[in-house]
């Protein structure tokens, strides 16, 4: 399992289901992810 704490997105929007693949569709400064 990848340590999500290494990714800033994981600290801003914690995964509601860490055991699943998360689809982040937030509008970020880099565009929609």
Protein backbone atom coordinates (compact mmCIF):
# COMPACT_ATOMS: atom_id res chain seq x y z
CA UNK A 1 0.00 0.00 0.00
CA UNK A 2 1.30 3.43 -0.94
CA UNK A 3 1.84 5.81 1.96
CA UNK A 4 -0.67 8.51 1.08
CA UNK A 5 0.83 10.88 3.65
CA UNK A 6 3.52 11.60 1.06
CA UNK A 7 0.91 13.31 -1.11
CA UNK A 8 -0.39 16.76 -0.09
CA UNK A 9 -3.80 15.95 -1.61
CA UNK A 10 -4.23 13.19 0.95
CA UNK A 11 -3.71 15.60 3.82
CA UNK A 12 -6.11 18.19 2.41
CA UNK A 13 -8.83 15.71 1.50
CA UNK A 14 -8.35 12.49 3.49
CA UNK A 15 -9.65 9.39 1.74
CA UNK A 16 -13.06 8.43 3.09
CA UNK A 17 -12.32 4.82 2.11
CA UNK A 18 -8.52 4.33 2.39
CA UNK A 19 -8.89 0.71 1.26
CA UNK A 20 -10.31 1.79 -2.10
CA UNK A 21 -8.93 3.67 -5.07
CA UNK A 22 -10.03 7.27 -4.64
CA UNK A 23 -11.18 9.46 -7.51
CA UNK A 24 -10.33 13.04 -6.67
CA UNK A 25 -12.28 15.39 -8.93
CA UNK A 26 -11.57 18.59 -7.03
CA UNK A 27 -10.67 21.70 -8.99
CA UNK A 28 -7.06 22.28 -7.98
CA UNK A 29 -4.61 25.02 -9.02
CA UNK A 30 -3.19 22.46 -11.45
CA UNK A 31 -6.60 21.83 -12.97
CA UNK A 32 -9.20 19.15 -12.33
CA UNK A 33 -7.67 15.91 -11.11
